[in-house]
N, C-alpha and C. Protein backbone atom coordinates (compact mmCIF):
# COMPACT_ATOMS: atom_id res chain seq x y z
N UNK A 1 0.84 -1.17 0.00
CA UNK A 1 0.00 0.00 0.00
C UNK A 1 0.89 1.24 0.00
N UNK A 2 0.64 2.15 -0.96
CA UNK A 2 1.42 3.37 -1.09
C UNK A 2 0.79 4.48 -0.24
N UNK A 3 1.63 5.18 0.51
CA UNK A 3 1.12 6.24 1.39
C UNK A 3 1.53 7.60 0.82
N UNK A 4 0.58 8.49 0.71
CA UNK A 4 0.85 9.84 0.23
C UNK A 4 0.66 10.89 1.31
N UNK A 5 0.35 10.48 2.48
CA UNK A 5 0.07 11.39 3.59
C UNK A 5 1.39 11.95 4.15
N UNK A 6 1.49 13.26 4.33
CA UNK A 6 2.71 13.89 4.83
C UNK A 6 3.01 13.50 6.27
N UNK A 7 1.99 13.09 7.02
CA UNK A 7 2.24 12.73 8.42
C UNK A 7 3.03 11.43 8.52
N UNK A 8 3.13 10.67 7.41
CA UNK A 8 3.91 9.43 7.42
C UNK A 8 5.38 9.68 7.09
N UNK A 9 5.75 10.92 6.77
CA UNK A 9 7.14 11.21 6.43
C UNK A 9 8.00 11.17 7.68
N UNK A 10 9.23 10.78 7.50
CA UNK A 10 10.19 10.77 8.60
C UNK A 10 10.52 12.21 8.98
N UNK A 11 10.91 12.44 10.24
CA UNK A 11 11.20 13.80 10.69
C UNK A 11 12.24 14.51 9.83
N UNK A 12 13.21 13.79 9.29
CA UNK A 12 14.24 14.45 8.49
C UNK A 12 13.75 14.77 7.08
N UNK A 13 12.53 14.43 6.75
CA UNK A 13 11.96 14.74 5.45
C UNK A 13 10.87 15.81 5.59
N UNK A 14 10.98 16.61 6.61
CA UNK A 14 9.97 17.62 6.90
C UNK A 14 9.77 18.57 5.73
N UNK A 15 8.55 18.95 5.52
CA UNK A 15 8.23 19.88 4.45
C UNK A 15 8.11 21.31 4.97
N UNK A 16 8.40 21.51 6.26
CA UNK A 16 8.34 22.85 6.84
C UNK A 16 9.64 23.57 6.53
N UNK A 17 9.53 24.71 5.87
CA UNK A 17 10.72 25.47 5.52
C UNK A 17 11.13 26.36 6.69
N UNK A 18 12.41 26.42 6.96
CA UNK A 18 12.88 27.31 8.01
C UNK A 18 12.92 28.72 7.44
N UNK A 19 12.68 29.69 8.31
CA UNK A 19 12.66 31.07 7.87
C UNK A 19 13.80 31.82 8.52
N UNK A 20 14.46 32.70 7.76
CA UNK A 20 15.56 33.47 8.33
C UNK A 20 15.04 34.46 9.36
N UNK A 21 15.94 34.93 10.22
CA UNK A 21 15.56 35.92 11.23
C UNK A 21 15.00 37.15 10.56
N UNK A 22 14.02 37.75 11.20
CA UNK A 22 13.36 38.92 10.66
C UNK A 22 14.32 40.10 10.64
N UNK A 23 14.39 40.81 9.54
CA UNK A 23 15.26 41.98 9.42
C UNK A 23 14.45 43.24 9.68
N UNK A 24 15.05 44.17 10.38
CA UNK A 24 14.41 45.44 10.64
C UNK A 24 14.57 46.32 9.42
N UNK A 25 13.48 46.96 9.02
CA UNK A 25 13.57 47.89 7.90
C UNK A 25 14.19 49.18 8.39
N UNK A 26 15.26 49.58 7.72
CA UNK A 26 15.96 50.80 8.07
C UNK A 26 15.54 51.88 7.09
N UNK A 27 15.13 53.02 7.62
CA UNK A 27 14.77 54.13 6.75
C UNK A 27 16.02 54.66 6.07
N UNK A 28 15.88 55.02 4.81
CA UNK A 28 17.00 55.61 4.09
C UNK A 28 17.12 57.07 4.50
N UNK A 29 18.29 57.63 4.34
CA UNK A 29 18.56 59.04 4.60
C UNK A 29 18.34 59.42 6.06
N UNK A 30 18.85 58.63 6.97
CA UNK A 30 18.76 58.95 8.39
C UNK A 30 19.78 60.03 8.73
N UNK A 31 19.43 60.93 9.60
CA UNK A 31 20.29 62.04 9.97
C UNK A 31 21.45 61.57 10.85
N UNK A 32 22.65 62.07 10.53
CA UNK A 32 23.80 61.82 11.41
C UNK A 32 24.13 63.07 12.21
N UNK A 33 23.34 64.14 12.01
CA UNK A 33 23.59 65.40 12.70
C UNK A 33 23.30 65.29 14.19
N UNK A 34 22.40 64.41 14.57
CA UNK A 34 22.04 64.26 15.98
C UNK A 34 21.96 62.78 16.32
N UNK A 35 22.40 62.40 17.52
CA UNK A 35 22.28 61.00 17.92
C UNK A 35 20.85 60.59 18.27
N UNK A 36 19.94 61.56 18.40
CA UNK A 36 18.56 61.24 18.79
C UNK A 36 17.92 60.28 17.81
N UNK A 37 17.24 59.27 18.37
CA UNK A 37 16.54 58.30 17.53
C UNK A 37 16.56 56.92 18.15
N UNK A 38 16.17 55.94 17.34
CA UNK A 38 16.13 54.54 17.77
C UNK A 38 17.17 53.75 16.98
N UNK A 39 17.90 52.91 17.69
CA UNK A 39 18.95 52.08 17.12
C UNK A 39 18.63 50.63 17.47
N UNK A 40 18.99 49.70 16.59
CA UNK A 40 18.71 48.29 16.86
C UNK A 40 19.91 47.42 16.54
N UNK A 41 20.00 46.33 17.31
CA UNK A 41 21.00 45.29 17.09
C UNK A 41 20.23 43.98 17.03
N UNK A 42 20.44 43.20 15.98
CA UNK A 42 19.68 41.96 15.84
C UNK A 42 20.57 40.79 15.45
N UNK A 43 20.14 39.63 15.88
CA UNK A 43 20.70 38.36 15.44
C UNK A 43 19.62 37.32 15.66
N UNK A 44 19.90 36.07 15.33
CA UNK A 44 18.86 35.05 15.40
C UNK A 44 18.31 34.85 16.81
N UNK A 45 19.15 34.83 17.83
CA UNK A 45 18.69 34.50 19.19
C UNK A 45 18.62 35.69 20.11
N UNK A 46 19.18 36.82 19.69
CA UNK A 46 19.17 37.96 20.59
C UNK A 46 18.96 39.25 19.82
N UNK A 47 18.38 40.18 20.47
CA UNK A 47 18.15 41.48 19.87
C UNK A 47 18.21 42.54 20.94
N UNK A 48 18.34 43.78 20.50
CA UNK A 48 18.39 44.88 21.46
C UNK A 48 17.94 46.16 20.78
N UNK A 49 17.34 47.03 21.58
CA UNK A 49 16.91 48.34 21.10
C UNK A 49 17.50 49.40 22.01
N UNK A 50 18.04 50.44 21.39
CA UNK A 50 18.66 51.55 22.10
C UNK A 50 17.96 52.82 21.66
N UNK A 51 17.37 53.53 22.60
CA UNK A 51 16.73 54.81 22.30
C UNK A 51 17.60 55.92 22.89
N UNK A 52 17.79 56.97 22.08
CA UNK A 52 18.66 58.08 22.48
C UNK A 52 17.92 59.40 22.30
N UNK A 53 18.05 60.27 23.29
CA UNK A 53 17.55 61.64 23.19
C UNK A 53 18.73 62.56 23.50
N UNK A 54 19.06 63.43 22.54
CA UNK A 54 20.15 64.39 22.75
C UNK A 54 19.67 65.48 23.69
N UNK A 55 20.48 65.77 24.70
CA UNK A 55 20.19 66.83 25.67
C UNK A 55 21.21 67.95 25.49
N UNK A 56 21.13 68.98 26.31
CA UNK A 56 22.09 70.08 26.27
C UNK A 56 23.44 69.65 26.82
N UNK A 57 24.45 70.45 26.53
CA UNK A 57 25.79 70.29 27.10
C UNK A 57 26.41 68.92 26.83
N UNK A 58 26.26 68.42 25.60
CA UNK A 58 26.85 67.14 25.18
C UNK A 58 26.39 65.94 26.00
N UNK A 59 25.18 66.01 26.53
CA UNK A 59 24.62 64.88 27.28
C UNK A 59 23.57 64.19 26.43
N UNK A 60 23.39 62.90 26.70
CA UNK A 60 22.31 62.14 26.07
C UNK A 60 21.57 61.36 27.15
N UNK A 61 20.28 61.17 26.93
CA UNK A 61 19.49 60.26 27.76
C UNK A 61 19.29 59.01 26.92
N UNK A 62 19.42 57.85 27.55
CA UNK A 62 19.29 56.60 26.80
C UNK A 62 18.40 55.61 27.54
N UNK A 63 17.86 54.70 26.79
CA UNK A 63 17.14 53.54 27.33
C UNK A 63 17.53 52.37 26.45
N UNK A 64 18.08 51.33 27.05
CA UNK A 64 18.55 50.16 26.31
C UNK A 64 17.85 48.91 26.85
N UNK A 65 17.28 48.13 25.94
CA UNK A 65 16.66 46.84 26.29
C UNK A 65 17.31 45.78 25.42
N UNK A 66 17.73 44.68 26.03
CA UNK A 66 18.34 43.58 25.28
C UNK A 66 17.73 42.27 25.74
N UNK A 67 17.76 41.28 24.85
CA UNK A 67 17.21 39.97 25.17
C UNK A 67 18.07 38.88 24.55
N UNK A 68 18.05 37.73 25.20
CA UNK A 68 18.64 36.50 24.67
C UNK A 68 17.63 35.41 24.98
N UNK A 69 16.91 34.98 23.95
CA UNK A 69 15.81 34.05 24.19
C UNK A 69 14.78 34.72 25.08
N UNK A 70 14.41 34.07 26.18
CA UNK A 70 13.41 34.64 27.10
C UNK A 70 14.03 35.53 28.17
N UNK A 71 15.36 35.60 28.25
CA UNK A 71 16.04 36.41 29.26
C UNK A 71 16.22 37.84 28.76
N UNK A 72 16.10 38.80 29.67
CA UNK A 72 16.18 40.21 29.28
C UNK A 72 17.08 41.02 30.21
N UNK A 73 17.43 42.20 29.73
CA UNK A 73 18.19 43.16 30.52
C UNK A 73 17.79 44.56 30.08
N UNK A 74 17.96 45.52 30.98
CA UNK A 74 17.49 46.87 30.70
C UNK A 74 18.32 47.87 31.49
N UNK A 75 18.60 49.03 30.87
CA UNK A 75 19.31 50.11 31.55
C UNK A 75 18.85 51.44 30.97
N UNK A 76 18.79 52.45 31.82
CA UNK A 76 18.43 53.81 31.41
C UNK A 76 19.27 54.79 32.19
N UNK A 77 19.53 55.95 31.59
CA UNK A 77 20.27 56.97 32.31
C UNK A 77 20.62 58.14 31.43
N UNK A 78 21.36 59.06 32.01
CA UNK A 78 21.87 60.23 31.32
C UNK A 78 23.39 60.18 31.43
N UNK A 79 24.06 60.37 30.30
CA UNK A 79 25.53 60.34 30.29
C UNK A 79 26.07 61.53 29.51
N UNK A 80 27.28 61.89 29.81
CA UNK A 80 27.99 62.95 29.12
C UNK A 80 28.81 62.32 27.99
N UNK A 81 28.71 62.89 26.79
CA UNK A 81 29.54 62.44 25.67
C UNK A 81 30.75 63.35 25.57
N UNK A 82 31.93 62.77 25.60
CA UNK A 82 33.17 63.50 25.40
C UNK A 82 33.88 62.86 24.22
N UNK A 83 34.08 63.65 23.16
CA UNK A 83 34.63 63.12 21.90
C UNK A 83 33.80 61.94 21.42
N UNK A 84 32.47 62.09 21.49
CA UNK A 84 31.48 61.10 21.04
C UNK A 84 31.48 59.80 21.84
N UNK A 85 32.08 59.79 23.01
CA UNK A 85 32.08 58.60 23.87
C UNK A 85 31.55 58.95 25.25
N UNK A 86 30.87 57.98 25.86
CA UNK A 86 30.35 58.18 27.20
C UNK A 86 30.19 56.85 27.91
N UNK A 87 30.13 56.91 29.24
CA UNK A 87 30.06 55.69 30.05
C UNK A 87 28.92 55.78 31.05
N UNK A 88 28.22 54.66 31.20
CA UNK A 88 27.17 54.52 32.19
C UNK A 88 27.58 53.38 33.12
N UNK A 89 27.51 53.62 34.43
CA UNK A 89 27.85 52.58 35.41
C UNK A 89 26.57 52.17 36.12
N UNK A 90 26.21 50.89 35.97
CA UNK A 90 25.04 50.33 36.63
C UNK A 90 25.47 49.44 37.78
N UNK A 91 24.53 48.68 38.33
CA UNK A 91 24.84 47.77 39.43
C UNK A 91 25.47 46.49 38.88
N UNK A 92 26.78 46.38 38.99
CA UNK A 92 27.50 45.19 38.55
C UNK A 92 27.89 45.19 37.09
N UNK A 93 27.70 46.30 36.38
CA UNK A 93 28.09 46.37 34.97
C UNK A 93 28.41 47.80 34.57
N UNK A 94 29.09 47.93 33.44
CA UNK A 94 29.41 49.24 32.88
C UNK A 94 29.16 49.18 31.38
N UNK A 95 28.53 50.23 30.84
CA UNK A 95 28.28 50.34 29.40
C UNK A 95 29.06 51.54 28.87
N UNK A 96 29.83 51.32 27.82
CA UNK A 96 30.56 52.40 27.18
C UNK A 96 29.98 52.61 25.79
N UNK A 97 29.52 53.82 25.52
CA UNK A 97 28.88 54.18 24.26
C UNK A 97 29.88 54.91 23.37
N UNK A 98 29.87 54.60 22.08
CA UNK A 98 30.73 55.24 21.10
C UNK A 98 29.86 55.63 19.91
N UNK A 99 29.49 56.93 19.85
CA UNK A 99 28.59 57.43 18.80
C UNK A 99 29.38 57.63 17.51
N UNK A 100 28.94 56.97 16.42
CA UNK A 100 29.62 57.04 15.12
C UNK A 100 28.64 57.37 14.01
N UNK A 101 27.86 58.40 14.16
CA UNK A 101 26.89 58.76 13.12
C UNK A 101 25.65 57.91 13.21
N UNK A 102 25.39 57.09 12.20
CA UNK A 102 24.20 56.24 12.21
C UNK A 102 24.43 54.92 12.94
N UNK A 103 25.55 54.80 13.61
CA UNK A 103 25.87 53.58 14.37
C UNK A 103 26.38 53.99 15.75
N UNK A 104 25.96 53.25 16.76
CA UNK A 104 26.50 53.43 18.11
C UNK A 104 27.06 52.09 18.56
N UNK A 105 28.34 52.12 18.91
CA UNK A 105 28.96 50.92 19.46
C UNK A 105 28.77 50.94 20.97
N UNK A 106 28.39 49.79 21.52
CA UNK A 106 28.22 49.66 22.97
C UNK A 106 29.11 48.52 23.43
N UNK A 107 29.91 48.80 24.43
CA UNK A 107 30.75 47.78 25.03
C UNK A 107 30.28 47.57 26.46
N UNK A 108 30.07 46.33 26.83
CA UNK A 108 29.61 46.00 28.18
C UNK A 108 30.72 45.29 28.93
N UNK A 109 30.93 45.70 30.18
CA UNK A 109 31.82 44.95 31.06
C UNK A 109 31.04 44.66 32.34
N UNK A 110 31.38 43.57 32.98
CA UNK A 110 30.64 43.12 34.15
C UNK A 110 29.50 42.21 33.73
N UNK A 111 28.83 41.59 34.71
CA UNK A 111 27.80 40.61 34.38
C UNK A 111 26.44 40.93 34.99
N UNK A 112 26.25 42.15 35.49
CA UNK A 112 24.99 42.46 36.16
C UNK A 112 23.93 43.09 35.28
N UNK A 113 24.13 43.11 33.96
CA UNK A 113 23.18 43.80 33.08
C UNK A 113 21.84 43.11 32.97
N UNK A 114 21.81 41.79 32.84
CA UNK A 114 20.53 41.11 32.64
C UNK A 114 20.63 39.64 32.95
N UNK A 115 19.63 38.90 32.45
CA UNK A 115 19.56 37.46 32.68
C UNK A 115 20.66 36.69 31.95
N UNK A 116 20.59 35.38 32.03
CA UNK A 116 21.58 34.48 31.46
C UNK A 116 21.83 34.78 29.98
N UNK A 117 23.08 35.00 29.63
CA UNK A 117 23.55 35.25 28.26
C UNK A 117 23.08 36.57 27.66
N UNK A 118 22.47 37.44 28.42
CA UNK A 118 22.04 38.74 27.89
C UNK A 118 23.24 39.68 27.90
N UNK A 119 23.53 40.25 26.74
CA UNK A 119 24.67 41.14 26.58
C UNK A 119 24.20 42.39 25.84
N UNK A 120 24.53 43.55 26.35
CA UNK A 120 24.15 44.80 25.71
C UNK A 120 25.14 45.23 24.65
N UNK A 121 26.31 44.60 24.63
CA UNK A 121 27.37 45.01 23.71
C UNK A 121 27.05 44.73 22.26
N UNK A 122 27.65 45.53 21.39
CA UNK A 122 27.52 45.33 19.94
C UNK A 122 27.34 46.63 19.21
N UNK A 123 27.08 46.52 17.91
CA UNK A 123 26.85 47.69 17.08
C UNK A 123 25.35 47.87 16.87
N UNK A 124 24.87 49.05 17.17
CA UNK A 124 23.46 49.39 17.02
C UNK A 124 23.32 50.32 15.82
N UNK A 125 22.50 49.93 14.86
CA UNK A 125 22.29 50.73 13.67
C UNK A 125 21.03 51.56 13.83
N UNK A 126 21.11 52.83 13.43
CA UNK A 126 19.98 53.74 13.54
C UNK A 126 18.87 53.28 12.59
N UNK A 127 17.67 53.14 13.13
CA UNK A 127 16.53 52.71 12.33
C UNK A 127 15.44 53.76 12.23
N UNK A 128 15.52 54.81 13.07
CA UNK A 128 14.50 55.85 13.06
C UNK A 128 15.07 57.14 13.65
N UNK A 129 14.80 58.26 12.97
CA UNK A 129 15.24 59.58 13.44
C UNK A 129 14.31 60.20 14.46
N UNK A 130 13.11 59.69 14.56
CA UNK A 130 12.13 60.29 15.47
C UNK A 130 12.67 60.27 16.90
N UNK A 131 12.58 61.41 17.57
CA UNK A 131 13.08 61.50 18.95
C UNK A 131 12.15 60.68 19.84
N UNK A 132 12.67 59.64 20.50
CA UNK A 132 11.82 58.81 21.34
C UNK A 132 11.45 59.50 22.65
N UNK A 133 10.37 59.06 23.25
CA UNK A 133 9.98 59.53 24.57
C UNK A 133 10.47 58.48 25.57
N UNK A 134 11.39 58.88 26.41
CA UNK A 134 11.95 57.96 27.40
C UNK A 134 11.33 58.30 28.74
N UNK A 135 10.59 57.34 29.28
CA UNK A 135 9.90 57.55 30.55
C UNK A 135 10.90 57.55 31.70
N UNK A 136 10.70 58.42 32.66
CA UNK A 136 11.61 58.50 33.80
C UNK A 136 11.46 57.31 34.75
N UNK A 137 10.38 56.48 34.57
CA UNK A 137 10.26 55.32 35.46
C UNK A 137 11.04 54.12 34.95
N UNK A 138 11.76 54.23 33.85
CA UNK A 138 12.55 53.10 33.31
C UNK A 138 13.80 52.87 34.10
């Protein structure tokens, strides 16, 4: 008896196609005149969003959320940029920001940022020029 039912196929003969990780659409012609906006870092298992608001006197307010699977981490604050670099010190971790136009490099040291395998470090690409609203309760 010949079987044509897909449920009889062996697991390695699956007809389900794997799909690549979702890519964020980046707006063309993003401003490099101001760091204000939303930046994203993505990969298959982890992603992160960095929101920046430019303040007076070379300061920026930021809110960063990162995830690895179901684990998350979050940090917010105001930092001074000197020569386009600034540092935020949290409980058990330090984040160093390096503003490079439409990209912000973030380096993390310490392990107190978030859950298991959550890392805030990496290159964040600007995806939106709109100035985000960062709540003070973050």
